[in-house]
Amino acid sequence: MTEGSGPDPTARSAPARERYDFSSLRTFDPASVPVWHRQIKGLLSIPAGHQPLVNTLGESCGDPSCRYRAHELVLHPDRAKLLANHILVAEELDMPPGLLIEELHRDIYEITSAGAIAIADLTAHPILYRVPLTLKALRTRPTESQEWELVRIVRDYSRTQAIRLPLLRGSGEDLVLHTDATHGLRVRYLGSLQEVLPALGEQAASDVVARVVARLLRKT
């Protein structure tokens, strides 16, 4: 390194790696992870006023070319499933009425890839019994952890654009989308969650509203 140049923002120092136990990954064979080539398409829900694909997981060095930065995509297959999943999460988390009402003002985007992309599928892989990899783990665990090491191994071996992870609840899919794959995505704003409601059938909309109202009544 020449004098005056900063440290490599994507480098991981040996001392940091030594603080973590990677024994669970010693027998992991990345060739055992299936890779599918298909189009990404689904609905993304984010807090009102925020922009999609802005926040990143991983090493936040401020350089878009950071090797292991990625986006989390929690995609819903359709509008009915999106709303049902939101209500499910609210009930499981015992969400207070004020926050539940705020959830109905989230912005909804349709995310579609230009064509088929390579996706490594970890949803049913036995390595998850030893390394519980989820989007939540990637948000909360340091980049030197075994969860992030697994992401790096899968990415480096398969050269895929995304990794599919198990869903914690509801329906849809959880994706770790590597930043170099975002340029081929089509992002279309659909409106707020409340504006999406009329697009449902009358009975489906009534069911969702009834559950929200029942939730509010139980809290008052």
C-alpha atoms as a PDB file:
ATOM      1  CA  MET A   1       0.000   0.000   0.000  1.00  0.00           C
ATOM      2  CA  THR A   2       1.416   3.385  -0.980  1.00  0.00           C
ATOM      3  CA  GLU A   3       1.809   6.109   1.565  1.00  0.00           C
ATOM      4  CA  GLY A   4      -1.328   8.205   1.928  1.00  0.00           C
ATOM      5  CA  SER A   5      -3.720   5.631   0.488  1.00  0.00           C
ATOM      6  CA  GLY A   6      -6.537   4.433   2.710  1.00  0.00           C
ATOM      7  CA  PRO A   7      -7.199   0.846   3.703  1.00  0.00           C
ATOM      8  CA  ASP A   8      -8.955  -1.452   1.260  1.00  0.00           C
ATOM      9  CA  PRO A   9     -12.643  -0.920   2.174  1.00  0.00           C
ATOM     10  CA  THR A  10     -13.546  -4.499   1.207  1.00  0.00           C
ATOM     11  CA  ALA A  11     -10.677  -6.182   3.036  1.00  0.00           C
ATOM     12  CA  ARG A  12     -11.428  -8.330   6.077  1.00  0.00           C
ATOM     13  CA  SER A  13      -8.596  -8.419   8.585  1.00  0.00           C
ATOM     14  CA  ALA A  14      -7.321 -11.713   9.975  1.00  0.00           C
ATOM     15  CA  PRO A  15      -7.891 -10.750  13.632  1.00  0.00           C
ATOM     16  CA  ALA A  16     -11.580 -10.010  12.923  1.00  0.00           C
ATOM     17  CA  ARG A  17     -12.039 -13.420  11.245  1.00  0.00           C
ATOM     18  CA  GLU A  18     -10.315 -15.230  14.105  1.00  0.00           C
ATOM     19  CA  ARG A  19     -12.928 -13.968  16.561  1.00  0.00           C
ATOM     20  CA  TYR A  20     -15.622 -16.103  14.915  1.00  0.00           C
ATOM     21  CA  ASP A  21     -16.111 -19.844  14.750  1.00  0.00           C
ATOM     22  CA  PHE A  22     -16.509 -21.154  11.185  1.00  0.00           C
ATOM     23  CA  SER A  23     -16.469 -24.846  12.101  1.00  0.00           C
ATOM     24  CA  SER A  24     -20.084 -25.222  10.957  1.00  0.00           C
ATOM     25  CA  LEU A  25     -18.955 -24.430   7.414  1.00  0.00           C
ATOM     26  CA  ARG A  26     -16.000 -26.836   7.178  1.00  0.00           C
ATOM     27  CA  THR A  27     -17.967 -29.592   5.459  1.00  0.00           C
ATOM     28  CA  PHE A  28     -20.242 -27.295   3.452  1.00  0.00           C
ATOM     29  CA  ASP A  29     -20.056 -27.995  -0.277  1.00  0.00           C
ATOM     30  CA  PRO A  30     -21.221 -24.945  -2.269  1.00  0.00           C
ATOM     31  CA  ALA A  31     -21.742 -27.181  -5.299  1.00  0.00           C
ATOM     32  CA  SER A  32     -24.686 -28.725  -3.435  1.00  0.00           C
ATOM     33  CA  VAL A  33     -26.663 -25.460  -3.623  1.00  0.00           C
ATOM     34  CA  PRO A  34     -29.090 -25.521  -6.566  1.00  0.00           C
ATOM     35  CA  VAL A  35     -29.044 -22.563  -8.943  1.00  0.00           C
ATOM     36  CA  TRP A  36     -32.185 -21.532 -10.803  1.00  0.00           C
ATOM     37  CA  HIS A  37     -32.407 -19.150 -13.743  1.00  0.00           C
ATOM     38  CA  ARG A  38     -35.675 -17.258 -13.614  1.00  0.00           C
ATOM     39  CA  GLN A  39     -37.176 -13.791 -13.573  1.00  0.00           C
ATOM     40  CA  ILE A  40     -37.596 -11.923 -10.314  1.00  0.00           C
ATOM     41  CA  LYS A  41     -41.088 -10.498  -9.958  1.00  0.00           C
ATOM     42  CA  GLY A  42     -43.057  -9.461  -6.901  1.00  0.00           C
ATOM     43  CA  LEU A  43     -44.381  -6.666  -4.721  1.00  0.00           C
ATOM     44  CA  LEU A  44     -42.144  -4.868  -2.247  1.00  0.00           C
ATOM     45  CA  SER A  45     -43.513  -2.961   0.762  1.00  0.00           C
ATOM     46  CA  ILE A  46     -41.429  -0.194   2.327  1.00  0.00           C
ATOM     47  CA  PRO A  47     -42.068   2.667   4.801  1.00  0.00           C
ATOM     48  CA  ALA A  48     -43.889   5.627   3.253  1.00  0.00           C
ATOM     49  CA  GLY A  49     -41.595   8.183   1.674  1.00  0.00           C
ATOM     50  CA  HIS A  50     -38.597   5.847   1.450  1.00  0.00           C
ATOM     51  CA  GLN A  51     -36.985   4.730  -1.796  1.00  0.00           C
ATOM     52  CA  PRO A  52     -36.560   1.044  -2.687  1.00  0.00           C
ATOM     53  CA  LEU A  53     -33.090  -0.476  -3.065  1.00  0.00           C
ATOM     54  CA  VAL A  54     -31.385   2.356  -1.193  1.00  0.00           C
ATOM     55  CA  ASN A  55     -30.364   0.671   2.056  1.00  0.00           C
ATOM     56  CA  THR A  56     -27.877  -2.158   1.774  1.00  0.00           C
ATOM     57  CA  LEU A  57     -26.805  -5.163   3.778  1.00  0.00           C
ATOM     58  CA  GLY A  58     -23.161  -5.983   4.426  1.00  0.00           C
ATOM     59  CA  GLU A  59     -20.087  -3.837   4.234  1.00  0.00           C
ATOM     60  CA  SER A  60     -21.110  -0.184   4.105  1.00  0.00           C
ATOM     61  CA  CYS A  61     -17.861   1.304   2.861  1.00  0.00           C
ATOM     62  CA  GLY A  62     -19.562   4.044   0.838  1.00  0.00           C
ATOM     63  CA  ASP A  63     -18.277   2.622  -2.454  1.00  0.00           C
ATOM     64  CA  PRO A  64     -20.882   1.038  -4.791  1.00  0.00           C
ATOM     65  CA  SER A  65     -18.267  -1.516  -5.879  1.00  0.00           C
ATOM     66  CA  CYS A  66     -17.895  -2.999  -2.388  1.00  0.00           C
ATOM     67  CA  ARG A  67     -17.628  -6.709  -2.923  1.00  0.00           C
ATOM     68  CA  TYR A  68     -20.251  -7.924  -0.492  1.00  0.00           C
ATOM     69  CA  ARG A  69     -22.907  -5.275  -0.363  1.00  0.00           C
ATOM     70  CA  ALA A  70     -26.408  -6.508  -1.124  1.00  0.00           C
ATOM     71  CA  HIS A  71     -30.059  -5.533  -0.957  1.00  0.00           C
ATOM     72  CA  GLU A  72     -32.762  -7.411   0.897  1.00  0.00           C
ATOM     73  CA  LEU A  73     -35.915  -8.054  -1.089  1.00  0.00           C
ATOM     74  CA  VAL A  74     -38.995  -9.345   0.718  1.00  0.00           C
ATOM     75  CA  LEU A  75     -41.237  -9.988  -2.256  1.00  0.00           C
ATOM     76  CA  HIS A  76     -44.940 -10.859  -2.221  1.00  0.00           C
ATOM     77  CA  PRO A  77     -46.485 -12.779  -5.146  1.00  0.00           C
ATOM     78  CA  ASP A  78     -49.605 -10.619  -5.446  1.00  0.00           C
ATOM     79  CA  ARG A  79     -51.586  -7.876  -3.694  1.00  0.00           C
ATOM     80  CA  ALA A  80     -53.811 -10.198  -1.703  1.00  0.00           C
ATOM     81  CA  LYS A  81     -50.820 -12.096  -0.279  1.00  0.00           C
ATOM     82  CA  LEU A  82     -49.030  -8.826   0.480  1.00  0.00           C
ATOM     83  CA  LEU A  83     -51.915  -7.568   2.611  1.00  0.00           C
ATOM     84  CA  ALA A  84     -52.434 -10.933   4.275  1.00  0.00           C
ATOM     85  CA  ASN A  85     -48.750 -11.072   5.183  1.00  0.00           C
ATOM     86  CA  HIS A  86     -48.873  -7.610   6.722  1.00  0.00           C
ATOM     87  CA  ILE A  87     -51.808  -8.562   8.910  1.00  0.00           C
ATOM     88  CA  LEU A  88     -50.085 -11.823   9.880  1.00  0.00           C
ATOM     89  CA  VAL A  89     -46.935  -9.975  10.953  1.00  0.00           C
ATOM     90  CA  ALA A  90     -48.988  -7.411  12.903  1.00  0.00           C
ATOM     91  CA  GLU A  91     -50.781 -10.143  14.819  1.00  0.00           C
ATOM     92  CA  GLU A  92     -47.651 -12.214  15.500  1.00  0.00           C
ATOM     93  CA  LEU A  93     -45.735  -9.174  16.747  1.00  0.00           C
ATOM     94  CA  ASP A  94     -48.686  -7.953  18.829  1.00  0.00           C
ATOM     95  CA  MET A  95     -48.422  -4.640  17.009  1.00  0.00           C
ATOM     96  CA  PRO A  96     -50.072  -1.683  18.821  1.00  0.00           C
ATOM     97  CA  PRO A  97     -53.002   0.048  17.072  1.00  0.00           C
ATOM     98  CA  GLY A  98     -51.053   3.180  16.188  1.00  0.00           C
ATOM     99  CA  LEU A  99     -48.329   1.229  14.462  1.00  0.00           C
ATOM    100  CA  LEU A 100     -50.860  -1.017  12.749  1.00  0.00           C
ATOM    101  CA  ILE A 101     -52.560   2.036  11.223  1.00  0.00           C
ATOM    102  CA  GLU A 102     -49.159   3.375  10.165  1.00  0.00           C
ATOM    103  CA  GLU A 103     -48.487   0.064   8.401  1.00  0.00           C
ATOM    104  CA  LEU A 104     -51.449   0.742   6.112  1.00  0.00           C
ATOM    105  CA  HIS A 105     -49.608   3.782   4.725  1.00  0.00           C
ATOM    106  CA  ARG A 106     -46.575   1.874   3.492  1.00  0.00           C
ATOM    107  CA  ASP A 107     -45.550   2.357  -0.153  1.00  0.00           C
ATOM    108  CA  ILE A 108     -45.839  -0.554  -2.562  1.00  0.00           C
ATOM    109  CA  TYR A 109     -43.507  -1.138  -5.511  1.00  0.00           C
ATOM    110  CA  GLU A 110     -43.485  -3.789  -8.186  1.00  0.00           C
ATOM    111  CA  ILE A 111     -39.998  -5.222  -8.707  1.00  0.00           C
ATOM    112  CA  THR A 112     -39.266  -7.068 -11.962  1.00  0.00           C
ATOM    113  CA  SER A 113     -35.974  -8.193 -13.462  1.00  0.00           C
ATOM    114  CA  ALA A 114     -35.439  -7.581 -17.185  1.00  0.00           C
ATOM    115  CA  GLY A 115     -35.028 -11.301 -17.752  1.00  0.00           C
ATOM    116  CA  ALA A 116     -34.039 -14.511 -16.026  1.00  0.00           C
ATOM    117  CA  ILE A 117     -31.208 -14.183 -13.510  1.00  0.00           C
ATOM    118  CA  ALA A 118     -29.161 -16.793 -11.647  1.00  0.00           C
ATOM    119  CA  ILE A 119     -30.455 -17.388  -8.108  1.00  0.00           C
ATOM    120  CA  ALA A 120     -28.769 -19.707  -5.591  1.00  0.00           C
ATOM    121  CA  ASP A 121     -31.517 -21.434  -3.603  1.00  0.00           C
ATOM    122  CA  LEU A 122     -30.754 -22.094   0.074  1.00  0.00           C
ATOM    123  CA  THR A 123     -34.364 -22.516   1.199  1.00  0.00           C
ATOM    124  CA  ALA A 124     -34.146 -26.285   1.782  1.00  0.00           C
ATOM    125  CA  HIS A 125     -30.397 -26.790   2.205  1.00  0.00           C
ATOM    126  CA  PRO A 126     -29.278 -28.728   5.323  1.00  0.00           C
ATOM    127  CA  ILE A 127     -26.552 -26.155   6.044  1.00  0.00           C
ATOM    128  CA  LEU A 128     -29.315 -24.007   7.547  1.00  0.00           C
ATOM    129  CA  TYR A 129     -29.554 -26.423  10.485  1.00  0.00           C
ATOM    130  CA  ARG A 130     -26.024 -25.363  11.426  1.00  0.00           C
ATOM    131  CA  VAL A 131     -25.981 -21.785  10.139  1.00  0.00           C
ATOM    132  CA  PRO A 132     -29.456 -20.192  10.516  1.00  0.00           C
ATOM    133  CA  LEU A 133     -29.193 -17.774   7.621  1.00  0.00           C
ATOM    134  CA  THR A 134     -32.105 -15.319   7.281  1.00  0.00           C
ATOM    135  CA  LEU A 135     -32.502 -11.696   6.250  1.00  0.00           C
ATOM    136  CA  LYS A 136     -32.869 -10.821   9.933  1.00  0.00           C
ATOM    137  CA  ALA A 137     -29.548 -12.514  10.697  1.00  0.00           C
ATOM    138  CA  LEU A 138     -27.839 -10.552   7.923  1.00  0.00           C
ATOM    139  CA  ARG A 139     -29.268  -7.302   9.283  1.00  0.00           C
ATOM    140  CA  THR A 140     -28.085  -7.961  12.837  1.00  0.00           C
ATOM    141  CA  ARG A 141     -24.937 -10.075  12.542  1.00  0.00           C
ATOM    142  CA  PRO A 142     -21.490  -8.553  11.792  1.00  0.00           C
ATOM    143  CA  THR A 143     -19.944  -9.159   8.388  1.00  0.00           C
ATOM    144  CA  GLU A 144     -17.277 -11.352  10.022  1.00  0.00           C
ATOM    145  CA  SER A 145     -19.910 -13.822  11.240  1.00  0.00           C
ATOM    146  CA  GLN A 146     -20.556 -17.307   9.865  1.00  0.00           C
ATOM    147  CA  GLU A 147     -23.846 -16.140   8.329  1.00  0.00           C
ATOM    148  CA  TRP A 148     -22.049 -13.625   6.137  1.00  0.00           C
ATOM    149  CA  GLU A 149     -19.258 -16.098   5.422  1.00  0.00           C
ATOM    150  CA  LEU A 150     -21.894 -18.470   4.035  1.00  0.00           C
ATOM    151  CA  VAL A 151     -23.214 -15.697   1.781  1.00  0.00           C
ATOM    152  CA  ARG A 152     -19.685 -15.035   0.518  1.00  0.00           C
ATOM    153  CA  ILE A 153     -18.991 -18.713  -0.154  1.00  0.00           C
ATOM    154  CA  VAL A 154     -22.216 -19.201  -2.116  1.00  0.00           C
ATOM    155  CA  ARG A 155     -21.738 -16.005  -4.091  1.00  0.00           C
ATOM    156  CA  ASP A 156     -18.098 -16.645  -4.960  1.00  0.00           C
ATOM    157  CA  TYR A 157     -18.693 -20.252  -5.993  1.00  0.00           C
ATOM    158  CA  SER A 158     -21.892 -19.941  -8.009  1.00  0.00           C
ATOM    159  CA  ARG A 159     -21.432 -16.412  -9.390  1.00  0.00           C
ATOM    160  CA  THR A 160     -25.140 -15.774  -8.990  1.00  0.00           C
ATOM    161  CA  GLN A 161     -26.999 -12.479  -8.810  1.00  0.00           C
ATOM    162  CA  ALA A 162     -29.100 -13.410  -5.780  1.00  0.00           C
ATOM    163  CA  ILE A 163     -29.552 -15.922  -2.964  1.00  0.00           C
ATOM    164  CA  ARG A 164     -32.995 -17.175  -1.967  1.00  0.00           C
ATOM    165  CA  LEU A 165     -33.486 -17.678   1.791  1.00  0.00           C
ATOM    166  CA  PRO A 166     -36.232 -19.400   3.806  1.00  0.00           C
ATOM    167  CA  LEU A 167     -39.327 -17.353   4.584  1.00  0.00           C
ATOM    168  CA  LEU A 168     -39.868 -16.608   8.254  1.00  0.00           C
ATOM    169  CA  ARG A 169     -43.638 -16.261   7.801  1.00  0.00           C
ATOM    170  CA  GLY A 170     -46.364 -15.805   5.215  1.00  0.00           C
ATOM    171  CA  SER A 171     -45.910 -16.373   1.490  1.00  0.00           C
ATOM    172  CA  GLY A 172     -43.559 -14.967  -1.111  1.00  0.00           C
ATOM    173  CA  GLU A 173     -39.775 -15.065  -1.014  1.00  0.00           C
ATOM    174  CA  ASP A 174     -36.817 -13.504   0.784  1.00  0.00           C
ATOM    175  CA  LEU A 175     -33.904 -12.635  -1.503  1.00  0.00           C
ATOM    176  CA  VAL A 176     -30.403 -11.344  -0.938  1.00  0.00           C
ATOM    177  CA  LEU A 177     -29.833  -9.398  -4.161  1.00  0.00           C
ATOM    178  CA  HIS A 178     -26.232  -8.497  -4.897  1.00  0.00           C
ATOM    179  CA  THR A 179     -25.765  -4.856  -5.819  1.00  0.00           C
ATOM    180  CA  ASP A 180     -24.334  -5.643  -9.252  1.00  0.00           C
ATOM    181  CA  ALA A 181     -27.718  -7.122 -10.237  1.00  0.00           C
ATOM    182  CA  THR A 182     -29.820  -4.032  -9.526  1.00  0.00           C
ATOM    183  CA  HIS A 183     -29.144  -2.346 -12.871  1.00  0.00           C
ATOM    184  CA  GLY A 184     -31.434  -4.834 -14.620  1.00  0.00           C
ATOM    185  CA  LEU A 185     -34.397  -4.299 -12.326  1.00  0.00           C
ATOM    186  CA  ARG A 186     -37.601  -2.490 -13.264  1.00  0.00           C
ATOM    187  CA  VAL A 187     -39.058  -0.657 -10.261  1.00  0.00           C
ATOM    188  CA  ARG A 188     -42.638   0.634 -10.557  1.00  0.00           C
ATOM    189  CA  TYR A 189     -44.508   2.539  -7.848  1.00  0.00           C
ATOM    190  CA  LEU A 190     -48.055   1.238  -7.301  1.00  0.00           C
ATOM    191  CA  GLY A 191     -49.198   3.500  -4.473  1.00  0.00           C
ATOM    192  CA  SER A 192     -49.759   3.179  -0.752  1.00  0.00           C
ATOM    193  CA  LEU A 193     -51.013  -0.011   0.859  1.00  0.00           C
ATOM    194  CA  GLN A 194     -54.406   1.658   1.319  1.00  0.00           C
ATOM    195  CA  GLU A 195     -54.525   2.449  -2.396  1.00  0.00           C
ATOM    196  CA  VAL A 196     -53.800  -1.175  -3.196  1.00  0.00           C
ATOM    197  CA  LEU A 197     -56.904  -2.338  -1.272  1.00  0.00           C
ATOM    198  CA  PRO A 198     -59.430  -1.463  -4.036  1.00  0.00           C
ATOM    199  CA  ALA A 199     -57.508  -3.724  -6.422  1.00  0.00           C
ATOM    200  CA  LEU A 200     -58.632  -6.736  -4.369  1.00  0.00           C
ATOM    201  CA  GLY A 201     -61.953  -8.464  -4.717  1.00  0.00           C
ATOM    202  CA  GLU A 202     -64.699  -7.075  -2.481  1.00  0.00           C
ATOM    203  CA  GLN A 203     -64.748 -10.120  -0.181  1.00  0.00           C
ATOM    204  CA  ALA A 204     -60.962 -10.202   0.208  1.00  0.00           C
ATOM    205  CA  ALA A 205     -60.859  -6.505   1.038  1.00  0.00           C
ATOM    206  CA  SER A 206     -63.674  -6.916   3.576  1.00  0.00           C
ATOM    207  CA  ASP A 207     -61.833  -9.781   5.264  1.00  0.00           C
ATOM    208  CA  VAL A 208     -58.654  -7.739   5.600  1.00  0.00           C
ATOM    209  CA  VAL A 209     -60.461  -4.677   6.941  1.00  0.00           C
ATOM    210  CA  ALA A 210     -62.456  -6.813   9.391  1.00  0.00           C
ATOM    211  CA  ARG A 211     -59.259  -8.283  10.822  1.00  0.00           C
ATOM    212  CA  VAL A 212     -57.727  -4.822  11.192  1.00  0.00           C
ATOM    213  CA  VAL A 213     -60.831  -3.490  12.937  1.00  0.00           C
ATOM    214  CA  ALA A 214     -60.979  -6.517  15.248  1.00  0.00           C
ATOM    215  CA  ARG A 215     -57.352  -5.941  16.093  1.00  0.00           C
ATOM    216  CA  LEU A 216     -58.029  -2.309  16.999  1.00  0.00           C
ATOM    217  CA  LEU A 217     -61.060  -3.185  19.121  1.00  0.00           C
ATOM    218  CA  ARG A 218     -59.100  -5.730  21.138  1.00  0.00           C
ATOM    219  CA  LYS A 219     -56.583  -3.019  21.990  1.00  0.00           C
ATOM    220  CA  THR A 220     -59.060  -0.338  23.058  1.00  0.00           C
END
